[in-house]
N, C-alpha and C. Protein backbone atom coordinates (compact mmCIF):
# COMPACT_ATOMS: atom_id res chain seq x y z
N UNK A 1 3.42 -7.78 1.14
CA UNK A 1 2.42 -8.45 0.21
C UNK A 1 2.07 -7.00 0.17
N UNK A 2 1.16 -6.44 0.77
CA UNK A 2 -0.20 -5.34 0.77
C UNK A 2 1.17 -4.23 0.78
N UNK A 3 2.09 -3.93 1.39
CA UNK A 3 2.85 -2.62 0.95
C UNK A 3 3.41 -2.72 -0.33
N UNK A 4 3.91 -3.81 -0.53
CA UNK A 4 4.22 -3.82 -2.45
C UNK A 4 2.96 -3.33 -2.92
N UNK A 5 2.50 -4.06 -2.66
CA UNK A 5 0.75 -3.69 -3.77
C UNK A 5 0.44 -2.56 -3.50
N UNK A 6 0.08 -1.52 -3.02
CA UNK A 6 -0.03 -0.16 -2.48
C UNK A 6 1.19 0.15 -3.28
N UNK A 7 2.95 0.22 -2.97
CA UNK A 7 3.74 1.34 -3.82
C UNK A 7 3.68 0.88 -5.24
N UNK A 8 2.85 -0.43 -5.45
CA UNK A 8 3.24 -0.46 -7.23
C UNK A 8 1.72 0.42 -7.74
N UNK A 9 1.19 0.73 -7.17
CA UNK A 9 0.00 1.75 -7.67
C UNK A 9 0.77 3.17 -7.94
N UNK A 10 0.20 3.71 -9.24
CA UNK A 10 0.52 5.30 -9.35
C UNK A 10 -0.20 6.22 -8.45
N UNK A 11 0.73 6.93 -7.95
CA UNK A 11 0.37 7.86 -6.65
C UNK A 11 -0.21 7.22 -5.91
N UNK A 12 0.29 6.43 -4.73
CA UNK A 12 0.56 5.38 -3.82
C UNK A 12 1.65 5.61 -3.44
N UNK A 13 2.04 6.13 -1.81
CA UNK A 13 3.39 5.60 -1.13
C UNK A 13 2.90 4.96 0.27
N UNK A 14 3.89 3.77 0.75
CA UNK A 14 3.34 2.80 2.09
C UNK A 14 4.58 2.55 2.55
N UNK A 15 4.85 3.14 3.68
CA UNK A 15 5.95 2.60 4.46
C UNK A 15 5.40 0.52 4.73
N UNK A 16 6.77 0.15 4.94
CA UNK A 16 6.51 -1.24 5.43
C UNK A 16 5.74 -1.12 6.83
N UNK A 17 4.52 -2.13 6.54
CA UNK A 17 3.86 -2.52 7.79
C UNK A 17 4.77 -3.98 8.11
N UNK A 18 5.29 -3.59 9.38
CA UNK A 18 5.91 -4.35 10.02
C UNK A 18 5.20 -4.89 11.29
N UNK A 19 4.92 -6.14 11.77
CA UNK A 19 4.34 -6.38 13.02
C UNK A 19 3.10 -5.58 13.46
N UNK A 20 2.49 -5.16 12.27
CA UNK A 20 0.79 -4.62 12.50
C UNK A 20 0.28 -4.96 11.83
N UNK A 21 -1.36 -4.74 11.90
CA UNK A 21 -2.27 -5.32 11.49
C UNK A 21 -2.71 -4.28 10.69
N UNK A 22 -2.05 -2.86 10.59
CA UNK A 22 -3.06 -1.32 9.76
C UNK A 22 -1.73 -1.49 8.64
N UNK A 23 -2.32 -0.40 7.73
CA UNK A 23 -1.49 -0.09 6.93
C UNK A 23 -1.95 1.61 6.51
N UNK A 24 -1.12 2.33 6.22
CA UNK A 24 -1.29 3.83 6.56
C UNK A 24 -0.99 4.28 5.00
N UNK A 25 -1.10 4.48 3.80
CA UNK A 25 -0.80 4.34 2.63
C UNK A 25 -1.05 6.12 2.36
N UNK A 26 -0.40 7.01 1.76
CA UNK A 26 -0.87 8.67 0.94
C UNK A 26 -1.41 8.30 -0.40
N UNK A 27 -1.91 8.69 -1.14
CA UNK A 27 -2.69 8.66 -2.16
C UNK A 27 -2.48 10.23 -2.38
N UNK A 28 -1.51 10.07 -4.09
CA UNK A 28 -2.10 11.86 -4.32
C UNK A 28 -3.15 11.89 -5.23
N UNK A 29 -4.03 12.77 -4.82
CA UNK A 29 -5.36 12.42 -5.60
C UNK A 29 -5.52 13.57 -6.98
N UNK A 30 -5.95 13.28 -7.67
CA UNK A 30 -5.60 14.08 -8.88
C UNK A 30 -7.11 15.34 -8.46
N UNK A 31 -6.61 16.55 -9.43
CA UNK A 31 -7.06 17.51 -8.66
C UNK A 31 -8.95 17.36 -9.38
N UNK A 32 -8.93 16.56 -10.74
CA UNK A 32 -10.31 16.47 -10.19
C UNK A 32 -11.26 15.51 -9.43
N UNK A 33 -10.74 14.72 -8.97
CA UNK A 33 -10.86 13.83 -7.49
C UNK A 33 -11.11 15.19 -6.72
N UNK A 34 -10.48 15.66 -6.21
CA UNK A 34 -10.55 16.67 -4.95
C UNK A 34 -11.74 17.82 -5.20
N UNK A 35 -11.81 17.76 -6.99
CA UNK A 35 -13.14 19.06 -7.13
C UNK A 35 -14.35 18.33 -6.77
N UNK A 36 -14.05 16.93 -7.13
CA UNK A 36 -15.74 16.15 -7.15
C UNK A 36 -16.20 16.02 -5.80
N UNK A 37 -14.78 15.76 -5.21
CA UNK A 37 -15.02 15.70 -3.31
C UNK A 37 -15.61 17.02 -2.79
N UNK A 38 -15.43 18.16 -3.34
CA UNK A 38 -15.48 19.10 -2.74
C UNK A 38 -17.49 19.46 -3.41
N UNK A 39 -17.54 19.00 -4.29
CA UNK A 39 -18.98 19.02 -4.88
C UNK A 39 -19.90 18.25 -4.48
N UNK A 40 -18.92 17.04 -3.82
CA UNK A 40 -20.21 16.21 -2.95
C UNK A 40 -20.13 16.39 -1.58
N UNK A 41 -19.52 17.38 -1.25
CA UNK A 41 -19.36 17.83 0.06
C UNK A 41 -18.70 17.21 0.95
N UNK A 42 -17.92 16.35 0.60
CA UNK A 42 -16.56 15.87 1.05
C UNK A 42 -15.16 15.91 1.57
N UNK A 43 -14.56 15.65 2.20
CA UNK A 43 -13.33 15.74 2.28
C UNK A 43 -12.51 14.81 1.27
N UNK A 44 -11.71 14.59 0.89
CA UNK A 44 -11.09 13.90 -0.66
C UNK A 44 -10.85 12.81 -0.29
N UNK A 45 -10.21 12.60 1.13
CA UNK A 45 -9.96 11.55 1.44
C UNK A 45 -10.93 10.34 1.79
N UNK A 46 -12.04 11.15 2.13
CA UNK A 46 -13.76 10.19 2.20
C UNK A 46 -14.05 10.26 1.43
N UNK A 47 -13.92 11.06 0.46
CA UNK A 47 -14.58 10.71 -0.72
C UNK A 47 -14.28 9.64 -1.67
N UNK A 48 -12.63 9.45 -1.24
CA UNK A 48 -11.87 8.05 -1.88
C UNK A 48 -12.50 6.96 -1.05
N UNK A 49 -12.23 7.36 0.06
CA UNK A 49 -12.93 5.72 0.79
C UNK A 49 -14.06 5.19 0.53
N UNK A 50 -15.01 6.45 0.74
CA UNK A 50 -16.57 5.67 0.19
C UNK A 50 -16.86 4.90 -1.23
N UNK A 51 -15.88 6.01 -2.40
CA UNK A 51 -15.75 4.97 -3.50
C UNK A 51 -15.23 3.69 -3.41
N UNK A 52 -14.29 3.40 -2.70
CA UNK A 52 -13.65 2.45 -2.22
C UNK A 52 -14.81 1.39 -1.65
N UNK A 53 -15.09 1.99 -0.90
CA UNK A 53 -15.94 0.98 -0.05
C UNK A 53 -17.09 0.45 -1.10
N UNK A 54 -17.88 1.42 -1.95
CA UNK A 54 -19.18 0.92 -2.62
C UNK A 54 -18.70 0.35 -3.79
N UNK A 55 -17.48 0.38 -4.50
CA UNK A 55 -17.12 -0.32 -5.46
C UNK A 55 -16.70 -1.49 -4.89
N UNK A 56 -16.52 -2.07 -3.86
CA UNK A 56 -15.24 -2.86 -3.70
C UNK A 56 -15.69 -3.74 -2.09
N UNK A 57 -16.04 -2.98 -1.57
CA UNK A 57 -16.53 -3.57 -0.25
C UNK A 57 -15.24 -3.43 0.48
N UNK A 58 -14.51 -3.00 0.30
CA UNK A 58 -13.25 -2.95 1.24
C UNK A 58 -13.42 -1.51 1.91
N UNK A 59 -12.89 -1.69 3.31
CA UNK A 59 -13.54 -0.93 4.38
C UNK A 59 -12.16 -0.20 4.80
N UNK A 60 -11.87 1.12 5.03
CA UNK A 60 -10.95 1.74 5.31
C UNK A 60 -11.02 2.97 5.93
N UNK A 61 -10.29 3.98 6.80
CA UNK A 61 -10.87 5.12 7.20
C UNK A 61 -9.85 6.38 6.68
N UNK A 62 -10.71 7.31 6.52
CA UNK A 62 -9.65 8.28 5.66
C UNK A 62 -8.49 9.19 7.08
N UNK A 63 -8.08 9.49 5.87
CA UNK A 63 -6.66 9.87 7.48
C UNK A 63 -6.60 11.20 7.90
N UNK A 64 -8.10 11.93 7.72
CA UNK A 64 -8.02 13.37 8.16
C UNK A 64 -8.60 12.94 9.44
N UNK A 65 -9.14 11.75 9.68
CA UNK A 65 -9.30 11.05 10.99
C UNK A 65 -8.03 11.16 12.00
N UNK A 66 -6.96 10.91 11.38
CA UNK A 66 -5.99 10.84 11.92
C UNK A 66 -5.27 12.19 12.31
N UNK A 67 -5.28 13.10 12.06
CA UNK A 67 -4.72 14.44 11.84
C UNK A 67 -3.20 14.58 10.72
N UNK A 68 -3.83 14.07 9.50
CA UNK A 68 -2.91 14.25 8.56
C UNK A 68 -2.56 15.37 8.13
N UNK A 69 -1.43 15.68 7.47
CA UNK A 69 -1.01 16.70 7.09
C UNK A 69 -1.69 17.41 6.37
N UNK A 70 -2.03 19.13 6.19
CA UNK A 70 -3.03 19.64 5.29
C UNK A 70 -2.46 19.58 4.03
N UNK A 71 -3.55 19.39 3.22
CA UNK A 71 -2.70 19.01 1.67
C UNK A 71 -2.72 17.45 1.66
N UNK A 72 -2.57 16.49 2.25
CA UNK A 72 -2.13 15.46 2.04
C UNK A 72 -3.46 14.63 2.45
N UNK A 73 -3.32 12.98 1.31
CA UNK A 73 -4.22 12.13 1.62
C UNK A 73 -3.87 10.91 1.84
N UNK A 74 -4.43 10.08 2.96
CA UNK A 74 -4.08 9.03 3.13
C UNK A 74 -5.19 8.19 3.99
N UNK A 75 -5.06 6.99 3.90
CA UNK A 75 -6.12 6.56 4.20
C UNK A 75 -5.77 4.70 5.21
N UNK A 76 -6.37 3.98 6.22
CA UNK A 76 -6.02 3.52 7.04
C UNK A 76 -6.59 2.35 6.76
N UNK A 77 -6.10 1.11 6.39
CA UNK A 77 -6.82 0.02 6.13
C UNK A 77 -6.43 -1.28 7.49
N UNK A 78 -7.54 -1.91 7.85
CA UNK A 78 -6.69 -2.63 8.78
C UNK A 78 -6.46 -4.74 7.36
N UNK A 79 -5.66 -4.90 7.77
CA UNK A 79 -4.94 -6.19 7.14
C UNK A 79 -5.53 -7.16 7.96
N UNK A 80 -6.90 -7.92 7.94
CA UNK A 80 -7.03 -8.72 8.50
C UNK A 80 -7.19 -10.22 7.59
N UNK A 81 -7.35 -10.00 6.25
CA UNK A 81 -7.76 -11.19 5.30
C UNK A 81 -6.63 -12.25 5.55
N UNK A 82 -7.13 -13.48 5.60
CA UNK A 82 -6.27 -14.44 5.75
C UNK A 82 -5.34 -14.64 4.36
N UNK A 83 -4.26 -15.10 4.69
CA UNK A 83 -3.32 -14.96 3.91
C UNK A 83 -3.48 -15.18 2.30
N UNK A 84 -3.94 -16.33 2.55
CA UNK A 84 -4.42 -17.01 0.92
C UNK A 84 -5.02 -15.92 0.27
N UNK A 85 -6.02 -14.96 1.11
CA UNK A 85 -6.89 -14.33 0.32
C UNK A 85 -6.32 -12.68 -0.22
N UNK A 86 -4.98 -12.62 0.71
CA UNK A 86 -4.50 -11.63 0.69
C UNK A 86 -4.04 -10.91 -0.85
N UNK A 87 -3.80 -11.80 -1.85
CA UNK A 87 -3.45 -11.20 -3.04
C UNK A 87 -5.16 -10.68 -3.87
N UNK A 88 -5.78 -11.59 -3.43
CA UNK A 88 -7.59 -11.18 -4.14
C UNK A 88 -7.66 -9.72 -3.41
N UNK A 89 -7.12 -9.38 -2.30
CA UNK A 89 -7.47 -8.00 -1.61
C UNK A 89 -6.99 -7.53 -2.45
N UNK A 90 -5.21 -7.13 -2.51
CA UNK A 90 -4.45 -6.30 -3.16
C UNK A 90 -5.16 -6.36 -4.42
N UNK A 91 -5.33 -6.91 -5.44
CA UNK A 91 -5.79 -7.26 -6.85
C UNK A 91 -7.26 -6.25 -6.57
N UNK A 92 -8.25 -6.20 -6.09
CA UNK A 92 -9.17 -5.10 -5.61
C UNK A 92 -9.32 -3.71 -5.87
N UNK A 93 -8.13 -3.69 -4.58
CA UNK A 93 -7.69 -2.42 -4.47
C UNK A 93 -7.12 -1.86 -5.53
N UNK A 94 -6.15 -2.44 -6.39
CA UNK A 94 -5.65 -2.40 -7.58
C UNK A 94 -6.59 -2.02 -8.27
N UNK A 95 -7.43 -2.65 -8.90
CA UNK A 95 -8.78 -2.49 -9.60
C UNK A 95 -9.48 -1.25 -9.79
N UNK A 96 -10.05 -1.04 -8.50
CA UNK A 96 -10.67 -0.13 -8.21
C UNK A 96 -9.96 1.56 -7.90
N UNK A 97 -8.48 1.38 -7.56
CA UNK A 97 -7.50 2.97 -7.98
C UNK A 97 -7.04 2.99 -8.98
N UNK A 98 -6.61 2.11 -10.25
CA UNK A 98 -6.84 2.21 -11.23
C UNK A 98 -8.13 3.01 -12.19
N UNK A 99 -9.29 2.10 -11.82
CA UNK A 99 -10.01 2.62 -12.48
C UNK A 99 -10.12 4.45 -12.06
N UNK A 100 -10.32 4.86 -10.15
CA UNK A 100 -10.90 5.94 -9.96
C UNK A 100 -9.50 6.80 -10.78
N UNK A 101 -8.48 6.56 -10.89
CA UNK A 101 -7.74 7.71 -11.28
C UNK A 101 -7.71 7.78 -12.86
N UNK A 102 -8.19 6.80 -13.13
CA UNK A 102 -8.60 6.83 -14.91
C UNK A 102 -9.92 7.86 -14.73
N UNK A 103 -10.69 7.81 -14.44
CA UNK A 103 -11.92 8.36 -14.45
C UNK A 103 -11.66 10.18 -13.75
N UNK A 104 -10.59 9.74 -13.26
CA UNK A 104 -10.75 11.29 -12.21
C UNK A 104 -9.13 12.30 -13.01
N UNK A 105 -8.68 11.56 -13.93
CA UNK A 105 -7.26 11.75 -14.44
C UNK A 105 -7.61 13.12 -15.13
């Protein structure tokens, strides 16, 4: 459910999460978001993760902490919600991501 949710979003790709409690989607950030991150003195993936946390309470780890390839942006999220709350998690992430992409398009 989480992988499908990520992959249904514009600019997000995620490999299938099997037998793990982590997911590591790649986020294609628009140039305006990258510029806003730089203006704030933050790496773009850090900026995205902090905005996500502030807007939704969803805590993620920027991919830059895992040695991601230069010029790519990822985040790691721990998939801990109970199954019956997973749809709510996916919807909160979707709402944030769509708003973020619209803001920085």
